[in-house]
Amino acid sequence: MTKPAAPPPSAAAAAGALTDHQKRVVIPVLLVVLSWVGTVAMTAYVPSLPALPGYFGTTAGTAQLTVTLFLLGFAAGQLSYGPFSDRYGRRPVLIAGMTLFFAASILCTVAPSIEVLIAGRFLQGTGATAGFAMSAIVIRDLYEREQAARIMGYVQAAGSSAPAFGPLIGGQFEQYLSWHWTFGFMALLAGGLLAAIIARLPETNDRRNPRALDMRILLGNYRNVYSSRLFIGYAIIIGASSAGILSFTTGGSFYFIDWLGYSPQFFAIFPAFNVIAMVSGALLAGRYSTRLGITRMLAIGTGLTLLGGLATAAIGWAPIASSGIAGVVGFTLPFMVFLLGMGICQPNAMAGALAPYRAMAGLAGSGVGILGMAFSMAASTGISLLNNDNGSPLPMVTAIGLCGLLSFLAFRFVVRPLESKTPKSGHR
């Protein structure tokens, strides 16, 4: 009698078979780059934004739609990638997403009109979100709740360098070549990451659900997730803090270059200060989340986003915002406080949101991403509509202040009261 074939190893078994080098270096680096690539795609060409109206013969508001439509594509990807990864696994979704990201970057490089560039940015955002979303879901596949917050903190700390390297590289391309080269760089990055995923990343979803894409079940699962007030509270914290940094991405270059009169190269240096703040916050999350717990870390993080956001708005409305280097310093310091809080909030809120949903972590991750992108799109669209082509900081700083306030309110009146009533467990 023929001996039955052995069942394929589970994701947990595959992860257990990894070497120490893979566990310590290969997988963490891949997760960093996966979370890094979306931010690079979002920010690398920001120094070129003020040049697009002249190149294509359009307005600043229309040029800023390349940011808004990227976010719309990001949201569209969030809606689909999570459930698809619950059905087919994380690896196939990542390969498909990076392939789309690569092709869209090529399209943006050769775009003959602003309309084609906007369309390319939508497709680019749709592809890039695969890496951004799946890195957190892979961590959720492999770690318990508090430990997941710690690992996410360290991954975010490394990935937070993207807002500095992206504009710095894009600023050099804009200064000496053109924005086309920035998108060529993104295509190169996407191609290299795609090859690394195929060669190095194992499958981590050991509970693939063959009915995950059944429409009735899919809608029921989303209804289950969105009916949780605690999940919504965590998602608002993530979405509001993300919208704060996207507010700067949409309006910052116009403020520094058009309003204050600095060069694209000078503006490209500024995100390094953002990175210092975000990395510091993420490192604090990585170091103290297991020790203090998610709720205490979020109390600290949302307090800082509130303080920094309101201070950024207040100074942005004051006369100092128009006074050269004083305006730069007056904006930079309080915004760094906001970003310090964001670095603490994001990994803790994500770990808390995903913890109860082990069997459908992909869908829950998509649920967080959809709400997060909704907040970011609202902020970006509002700033684009209110921009009057002179680079005024008022729409941007107002949005940042509101984001800090909303993040704090979500924690104070939703997350903290509900967490105090929830028994703590591994959520495994």
Protein backbone atom coordinates (compact mmCIF):
# COMPACT_ATOMS: atom_id res chain seq x y z
CA MET A 1 0.00 0.00 0.00
CA THR A 2 1.29 3.42 -0.90
CA LYS A 3 2.20 5.56 2.07
CA PRO A 4 0.18 8.80 2.13
CA ALA A 5 2.12 11.94 1.42
CA ALA A 6 3.08 14.05 4.42
CA PRO A 7 1.16 17.29 4.76
CA PRO A 8 3.02 20.43 3.84
CA PRO A 9 4.74 22.18 6.75
CA SER A 10 2.82 25.00 8.37
CA ALA A 11 4.05 28.56 8.41
CA ALA A 12 4.96 28.20 12.06
CA ALA A 13 7.06 25.14 11.24
CA ALA A 14 8.69 26.96 8.34
CA ALA A 15 9.49 29.90 10.64
CA GLY A 16 10.91 27.50 13.22
CA ALA A 17 13.20 26.02 10.56
CA LEU A 18 14.79 29.41 9.83
CA THR A 19 18.45 29.79 10.73
CA ASP A 20 19.61 32.29 13.34
CA HIS A 21 20.96 34.48 10.54
CA GLN A 22 17.56 34.53 8.85
CA LYS A 23 15.76 35.31 12.10
CA ARG A 24 18.20 38.00 13.21
CA VAL A 25 19.09 39.62 9.87
CA VAL A 26 17.32 38.48 6.70
CA ILE A 27 13.65 38.59 7.77
CA PRO A 28 13.97 41.77 9.90
CA VAL A 29 15.74 43.58 7.05
CA LEU A 30 13.06 42.50 4.58
CA LEU A 31 10.34 43.70 6.95
CA VAL A 32 12.11 47.04 7.34
CA VAL A 33 12.37 47.53 3.58
CA LEU A 34 8.75 46.44 3.07
CA SER A 35 7.57 49.12 5.49
CA TRP A 36 10.16 51.53 4.05
CA VAL A 37 9.28 51.32 0.38
CA GLY A 38 5.81 52.91 0.59
CA THR A 39 7.13 55.93 2.45
CA VAL A 40 9.97 56.33 -0.03
CA ALA A 41 7.49 56.23 -2.91
CA MET A 42 5.35 58.79 -1.12
CA THR A 43 8.12 61.24 -0.19
CA ALA A 44 11.05 60.91 -2.63
CA TYR A 45 9.54 63.18 -5.24
CA VAL A 46 8.11 65.74 -2.78
CA PRO A 47 10.97 68.21 -3.52
CA SER A 48 9.84 68.10 -7.17
CA LEU A 49 6.20 68.99 -6.42
CA PRO A 50 6.66 72.77 -6.88
CA ALA A 51 8.27 72.11 -10.29
CA LEU A 52 5.38 70.05 -11.66
CA PRO A 53 2.94 72.95 -12.32
CA GLY A 54 5.49 74.65 -14.59
CA TYR A 55 6.52 71.43 -16.33
CA PHE A 56 2.97 70.31 -17.14
CA GLY A 57 1.33 73.74 -17.32
CA THR A 58 -1.04 73.08 -14.42
CA THR A 59 -1.80 74.40 -10.93
CA ALA A 60 -0.27 73.59 -7.56
CA GLY A 61 -3.56 72.05 -6.44
CA THR A 62 -3.59 69.69 -9.42
CA ALA A 63 0.05 68.75 -8.82
CA GLN A 64 -0.80 67.90 -5.21
CA LEU A 65 -3.34 65.38 -6.52
CA THR A 66 -0.34 63.15 -7.25
CA VAL A 67 -0.12 62.81 -3.45
CA THR A 68 -3.87 62.43 -2.93
CA LEU A 69 -4.28 59.77 -5.65
CA PHE A 70 -1.27 57.88 -4.32
CA LEU A 71 -3.13 57.74 -1.00
CA LEU A 72 -6.30 56.61 -2.76
CA GLY A 73 -4.34 53.78 -4.37
CA PHE A 74 -2.85 52.98 -0.98
CA ALA A 75 -6.38 52.70 0.44
CA ALA A 76 -7.54 50.53 -2.48
CA GLY A 77 -4.65 48.17 -1.87
CA GLN A 78 -5.41 48.03 1.84
CA LEU A 79 -8.97 46.99 1.02
CA SER A 80 -7.89 43.99 -1.04
CA TYR A 81 -4.44 42.78 0.00
CA GLY A 82 -5.35 41.76 3.55
CA PRO A 83 -8.24 39.44 2.62
CA PHE A 84 -6.27 38.04 -0.33
CA SER A 85 -3.36 37.25 2.00
CA ASP A 86 -5.76 35.47 4.37
CA ARG A 87 -6.83 33.31 1.43
CA TYR A 88 -3.61 32.75 -0.55
CA GLY A 89 -0.83 33.66 1.89
CA ARG A 90 1.45 36.65 2.45
CA ARG A 91 4.10 35.79 -0.16
CA PRO A 92 1.88 35.77 -3.28
CA VAL A 93 0.30 39.07 -2.26
CA LEU A 94 3.70 40.69 -1.75
CA ILE A 95 4.96 39.44 -5.10
CA ALA A 96 1.86 40.77 -6.91
CA GLY A 97 2.03 44.12 -5.12
CA MET A 98 5.72 44.69 -5.80
CA THR A 99 5.25 43.76 -9.45
CA LEU A 100 2.52 46.41 -9.77
CA PHE A 101 4.67 48.94 -7.92
CA PHE A 102 7.56 48.29 -10.31
CA ALA A 103 5.39 48.69 -13.43
CA ALA A 104 3.69 51.84 -12.11
CA SER A 105 7.05 53.44 -11.31
CA ILE A 106 8.08 52.92 -14.94
CA LEU A 107 4.81 54.54 -16.07
CA CYS A 108 5.44 57.57 -13.84
CA THR A 109 8.98 57.88 -15.21
CA VAL A 110 7.74 58.30 -18.79
CA ALA A 111 4.46 60.14 -18.04
CA PRO A 112 3.75 62.63 -20.86
CA SER A 113 1.04 64.56 -18.97
CA ILE A 114 -0.07 65.35 -15.44
CA GLU A 115 -3.10 63.11 -15.96
CA VAL A 116 -0.90 60.10 -16.75
CA LEU A 117 1.35 60.92 -13.79
CA ILE A 118 -1.67 61.07 -11.47
CA ALA A 119 -2.89 57.71 -12.81
CA GLY A 120 0.58 56.24 -12.40
CA ARG A 121 0.72 57.49 -8.83
CA PHE A 122 -2.61 55.78 -8.09
CA LEU A 123 -1.25 52.47 -9.39
CA GLN A 124 2.03 53.02 -7.58
CA GLY A 125 0.20 53.54 -4.29
CA THR A 126 -1.89 50.41 -4.92
CA GLY A 127 1.26 48.35 -5.36
CA ALA A 128 3.34 49.94 -2.60
CA THR A 129 0.73 49.30 0.08
CA ALA A 130 1.37 45.55 -0.17
CA GLY A 131 4.76 45.94 1.47
CA PHE A 132 3.54 48.51 3.99
CA ALA A 133 0.60 46.38 5.14
CA MET A 134 2.13 42.93 4.99
CA SER A 135 5.13 43.78 7.20
CA ALA A 136 2.84 44.37 10.19
CA ILE A 137 0.73 41.31 9.37
CA VAL A 138 3.79 39.05 9.11
CA ILE A 139 4.86 40.26 12.55
CA ARG A 140 1.36 39.52 13.85
CA ASP A 141 1.61 36.03 12.37
CA LEU A 142 4.72 35.28 14.41
CA TYR A 143 4.49 37.16 17.73
CA GLU A 144 2.22 37.70 20.75
CA ARG A 145 0.51 41.07 21.38
CA GLU A 146 3.06 42.90 23.58
CA GLN A 147 6.02 41.31 21.80
CA ALA A 148 4.51 42.28 18.45
CA ALA A 149 4.39 45.91 19.65
CA ARG A 150 8.09 45.66 20.54
CA ILE A 151 9.09 44.15 17.18
CA MET A 152 6.92 46.63 15.27
CA GLY A 153 8.61 49.43 17.18
CA TYR A 154 12.07 48.33 16.10
CA VAL A 155 10.96 47.76 12.51
CA GLN A 156 9.33 51.18 12.45
CA ALA A 157 12.45 52.76 13.94
CA ALA A 158 14.54 51.47 11.05
CA GLY A 159 11.86 52.12 8.45
CA SER A 160 11.39 55.69 9.66
CA SER A 161 14.62 56.66 7.92
CA ALA A 162 12.64 56.69 4.67
CA PRO A 163 11.22 60.22 5.18
CA ALA A 164 14.81 61.49 5.34
CA PHE A 165 16.40 59.45 2.57
CA GLY A 166 13.42 59.84 0.21
CA PRO A 167 13.37 63.66 -0.05
CA LEU A 168 17.17 63.83 0.23
CA ILE A 169 17.58 61.60 -2.84
CA GLY A 170 14.68 63.25 -4.64
CA GLY A 171 16.09 66.69 -3.91
CA GLN A 172 19.38 65.78 -5.57
CA PHE A 173 17.61 64.36 -8.62
CA GLU A 174 15.46 67.50 -8.89
CA GLN A 175 18.43 69.83 -8.46
CA TYR A 176 20.76 68.19 -10.97
CA LEU A 177 18.59 66.03 -13.26
CA SER A 178 14.76 65.94 -13.13
CA TRP A 179 11.84 64.33 -11.33
CA HIS A 180 11.85 61.51 -13.93
CA TRP A 181 15.00 60.13 -12.32
CA THR A 182 13.27 59.97 -8.96
CA PHE A 183 10.68 57.56 -10.33
CA GLY A 184 13.41 55.58 -12.06
CA PHE A 185 15.02 55.16 -8.63
CA MET A 186 11.70 53.89 -7.26
CA ALA A 187 11.48 51.32 -10.08
CA LEU A 188 14.98 50.10 -9.26
CA LEU A 189 14.08 49.83 -5.58
CA ALA A 190 10.88 47.91 -6.36
CA GLY A 191 12.67 45.50 -8.67
CA GLY A 192 15.34 44.70 -6.10
CA LEU A 193 12.78 44.18 -3.36
CA LEU A 194 10.69 41.91 -5.59
CA ALA A 195 13.74 39.70 -6.21
CA ALA A 196 14.50 39.59 -2.46
CA ILE A 197 10.93 38.55 -1.59
CA ILE A 198 10.99 35.73 -4.12
CA ALA A 199 14.37 34.49 -2.90
CA ARG A 200 14.20 35.02 0.86
CA LEU A 201 10.77 35.51 2.41
CA PRO A 202 8.96 32.38 3.69
CA GLU A 203 5.20 32.05 3.96
CA THR A 204 3.98 32.92 7.48
CA ASN A 205 0.21 32.42 7.19
CA ASP A 206 -0.44 28.96 8.61
CA ARG A 207 -4.21 29.47 8.78
CA ARG A 208 -5.13 30.25 5.18
CA ASN A 209 -8.89 30.40 4.81
CA PRO A 210 -10.21 29.09 1.47
CA ARG A 211 -13.44 31.06 2.03
CA ALA A 212 -11.79 34.34 2.99
CA LEU A 213 -12.85 35.97 -0.30
CA ASP A 214 -16.43 34.73 -0.20
CA MET A 215 -18.34 38.01 -0.38
CA ARG A 216 -20.81 37.14 2.35
CA ILE A 217 -18.06 36.01 4.71
CA LEU A 218 -15.83 38.92 3.73
CA LEU A 219 -18.52 41.50 4.50
CA GLY A 220 -19.36 39.69 7.71
CA ASN A 221 -15.73 39.76 8.81
CA TYR A 222 -15.42 43.47 8.06
CA ARG A 223 -18.66 44.05 9.97
CA ASN A 224 -17.22 42.09 12.88
CA VAL A 225 -14.03 44.14 12.90
CA TYR A 226 -15.68 47.53 12.47
CA SER A 227 -18.30 46.80 15.13
CA SER A 228 -15.52 46.76 17.74
CA ARG A 229 -15.23 50.18 19.36
CA LEU A 230 -11.79 49.25 20.65
CA PHE A 231 -10.58 48.39 17.15
CA ILE A 232 -11.96 51.70 15.84
CA GLY A 233 -10.23 53.59 18.64
CA TYR A 234 -6.86 52.04 17.81
CA ALA A 235 -7.41 52.68 14.09
CA ILE A 236 -8.21 56.37 14.72
CA ILE A 237 -4.97 56.79 16.68
CA ILE A 238 -3.03 55.28 13.76
CA GLY A 239 -4.99 57.18 11.12
CA ALA A 240 -4.82 60.58 12.82
CA SER A 241 -1.08 60.40 13.46
CA SER A 242 -0.46 59.19 9.88
CA ALA A 243 -2.57 62.05 8.54
CA GLY A 244 -0.34 64.47 10.45
CA ILE A 245 2.80 63.39 8.61
CA LEU A 246 0.88 63.27 5.30
CA SER A 247 -0.23 66.85 5.92
CA PHE A 248 3.42 67.84 5.94
CA THR A 249 4.10 65.68 2.86
CA THR A 250 1.35 67.50 0.95
CA GLY A 251 2.04 71.07 2.06
CA GLY A 252 5.59 71.17 3.44
CA SER A 253 7.50 71.66 0.21
CA PHE A 254 5.23 74.53 -0.85
CA TYR A 255 5.70 76.19 2.54
CA PHE A 256 9.48 75.90 2.57
CA ILE A 257 10.14 76.53 -1.13
CA ASP A 258 7.35 78.90 -2.26
CA TRP A 259 6.45 80.70 1.01
CA LEU A 260 9.86 80.92 2.72
CA GLY A 261 11.92 80.88 -0.49
CA TYR A 262 14.35 78.05 0.26
CA SER A 263 15.78 75.68 -2.37
CA PRO A 264 14.65 72.07 -2.94
CA GLN A 265 18.02 70.94 -1.56
CA PHE A 266 17.45 72.85 1.69
CA PHE A 267 13.97 71.39 2.01
CA ALA A 268 15.35 67.89 1.42
CA ILE A 269 17.44 68.24 4.59
CA PHE A 270 14.43 69.03 6.79
CA PRO A 271 12.91 65.49 6.88
CA ALA A 272 16.04 64.32 8.71
CA PHE A 273 14.64 66.09 11.77
CA ASN A 274 11.35 64.26 11.26
CA VAL A 275 13.25 61.00 11.20
CA ILE A 276 15.10 61.76 14.44
CA ALA A 277 11.76 62.28 16.16
CA MET A 278 9.97 59.26 14.67
CA VAL A 279 12.90 56.90 15.18
CA SER A 280 13.26 58.05 18.79
CA GLY A 281 9.57 57.36 19.41
CA ALA A 282 9.70 53.97 17.72
CA LEU A 283 12.81 52.98 19.69
CA LEU A 284 11.04 53.94 22.91
CA ALA A 285 8.14 51.75 21.82
CA GLY A 286 10.51 48.88 21.08
CA ARG A 287 12.26 49.23 24.43
CA TYR A 288 9.35 49.86 26.80
CA SER A 289 6.16 48.39 25.25
CA THR A 290 6.65 44.97 26.83
CA ARG A 291 7.58 46.52 30.18
CA LEU A 292 4.91 49.23 30.44
CA GLY A 293 2.18 47.75 28.26
CA ILE A 294 0.32 49.14 25.28
CA THR A 295 -2.10 51.34 27.24
CA ARG A 296 0.58 53.26 29.12
CA MET A 297 2.66 53.73 26.00
CA LEU A 298 -0.36 55.11 24.14
CA ALA A 299 -1.08 57.53 27.00
CA ILE A 300 2.43 58.94 26.57
CA GLY A 301 2.32 58.89 22.76
CA THR A 302 -1.06 60.55 22.30
CA GLY A 303 -0.17 63.17 24.91
CA LEU A 304 2.85 64.10 22.82
CA THR A 305 0.87 64.20 19.55
CA LEU A 306 -1.66 66.51 21.23
CA LEU A 307 1.02 68.86 22.60
CA GLY A 308 3.07 68.90 19.41
CA GLY A 309 0.09 69.19 17.07
CA LEU A 310 -1.52 72.12 18.87
CA ALA A 311 1.82 73.91 19.23
CA THR A 312 2.55 73.43 15.51
CA ALA A 313 -0.84 74.93 14.63
CA ALA A 314 -0.45 77.85 17.03
CA ILE A 315 2.99 78.82 15.74
CA GLY A 316 1.89 78.32 12.12
CA TRP A 317 -0.84 80.91 12.60
CA ALA A 318 1.56 83.36 14.29
CA PRO A 319 3.68 85.98 12.44
CA ILE A 320 6.82 83.90 13.08
CA ALA A 321 5.67 81.47 10.37
CA SER A 322 6.62 84.03 7.69
CA SER A 323 10.02 85.01 9.07
CA GLY A 324 12.68 82.90 7.36
CA ILE A 325 14.82 80.71 9.58
CA ALA A 326 12.67 81.58 12.61
CA GLY A 327 9.71 80.11 10.74
CA VAL A 328 11.71 76.95 10.02
CA VAL A 329 12.70 76.49 13.67
CA GLY A 330 9.24 77.47 14.92
CA PHE A 331 7.66 74.78 12.76
CA THR A 332 10.33 72.12 13.23
CA LEU A 333 10.50 71.86 17.03
CA PRO A 334 6.80 71.36 17.85
CA PHE A 335 6.31 69.11 14.81
CA MET A 336 9.14 66.92 16.11
CA VAL A 337 7.19 66.54 19.36
CA PHE A 338 4.17 65.43 17.33
CA LEU A 339 6.29 62.89 15.44
CA LEU A 340 7.91 61.61 18.64
CA GLY A 341 4.41 60.77 19.86
CA MET A 342 3.55 59.22 16.50
CA GLY A 343 6.58 56.92 16.73
CA ILE A 344 5.35 55.68 20.10
CA CYS A 345 1.69 55.37 19.07
CA GLN A 346 1.87 53.55 15.76
CA PRO A 347 3.41 50.16 16.72
CA ASN A 348 1.44 49.97 19.99
CA ALA A 349 -1.89 50.86 18.39
CA MET A 350 -1.29 48.45 15.50
CA ALA A 351 -0.40 45.58 17.85
CA GLY A 352 -3.49 46.30 19.95
CA ALA A 353 -5.77 46.46 16.92
CA LEU A 354 -4.56 43.19 15.36
CA ALA A 355 -4.17 41.14 18.55
CA PRO A 356 -7.72 39.67 18.76
CA TYR A 357 -7.84 38.65 15.07
CA ARG A 358 -5.33 35.82 14.71
CA ALA A 359 -7.42 33.92 12.13
CA MET A 360 -8.01 37.00 9.95
CA ALA A 361 -5.01 39.21 10.65
CA GLY A 362 -4.82 40.25 6.99
CA LEU A 363 -8.37 41.54 6.92
CA ALA A 364 -7.93 43.31 10.27
CA GLY A 365 -4.74 44.93 8.98
CA SER A 366 -6.64 46.08 5.91
CA GLY A 367 -9.35 47.47 8.17
CA VAL A 368 -6.80 49.59 10.03
CA GLY A 369 -5.21 50.70 6.77
CA ILE A 370 -8.51 51.72 5.19
CA LEU A 371 -9.39 54.03 8.06
CA GLY A 372 -5.84 55.34 8.20
CA MET A 373 -5.85 56.19 4.51
CA ALA A 374 -9.28 57.82 4.86
CA PHE A 375 -7.85 60.22 7.42
CA SER A 376 -4.73 60.86 5.34
CA MET A 377 -6.73 61.44 2.16
CA ALA A 378 -9.05 63.85 3.96
CA ALA A 379 -6.08 65.86 5.22
CA SER A 380 -4.26 65.80 1.88
CA THR A 381 -7.38 66.69 -0.13
CA GLY A 382 -8.30 69.51 2.24
CA ILE A 383 -4.83 71.01 2.01
CA SER A 384 -4.87 70.70 -1.80
CA LEU A 385 -8.27 72.42 -2.07
CA LEU A 386 -7.30 75.23 0.31
CA ASN A 387 -3.90 75.84 -1.26
CA ASN A 388 -3.87 79.27 -2.91
CA ASP A 389 -0.63 78.77 -4.86
CA ASN A 390 1.46 80.95 -2.53
CA GLY A 391 2.57 78.17 -0.18
CA SER A 392 0.77 79.43 2.93
CA PRO A 393 1.29 77.04 5.88
CA LEU A 394 -2.17 77.61 7.38
CA PRO A 395 -4.00 74.61 5.85
CA MET A 396 -1.10 72.30 6.72
CA VAL A 397 -0.58 73.37 10.34
CA THR A 398 -4.31 73.41 11.03
CA ALA A 399 -4.57 69.82 9.80
CA ILE A 400 -1.62 68.78 12.00
CA GLY A 401 -3.23 70.36 15.06
CA LEU A 402 -6.53 68.59 14.42
CA CYS A 403 -4.71 65.27 13.94
CA GLY A 404 -3.00 65.60 17.31
CA LEU A 405 -6.28 66.42 19.01
CA LEU A 406 -8.16 63.55 17.39
CA SER A 407 -5.46 61.01 18.27
CA PHE A 408 -5.60 62.06 21.93
CA LEU A 409 -9.41 62.02 22.07
CA ALA A 410 -9.55 58.52 20.56
CA PHE A 411 -7.26 57.22 23.29
CA ARG A 412 -8.78 59.17 26.17
CA PHE A 413 -12.44 58.43 25.47
CA VAL A 414 -12.37 55.12 23.56
CA VAL A 415 -9.23 53.02 23.99
CA ARG A 416 -8.36 53.66 27.62
CA PRO A 417 -11.86 53.04 29.05
CA LEU A 418 -12.31 49.85 27.00
CA GLU A 419 -8.80 48.49 27.66
CA SER A 420 -9.39 48.88 31.40
CA LYS A 421 -12.34 46.47 31.08
CA THR A 422 -10.61 43.93 28.79
CA PRO A 423 -8.85 40.92 30.35
CA LYS A 424 -5.25 40.76 29.13
CA SER A 425 -4.05 37.62 27.35
CA GLY A 426 -1.65 36.59 24.68
CA HIS A 427 -4.36 36.90 22.04
CA ARG A 428 -2.71 34.09 20.21
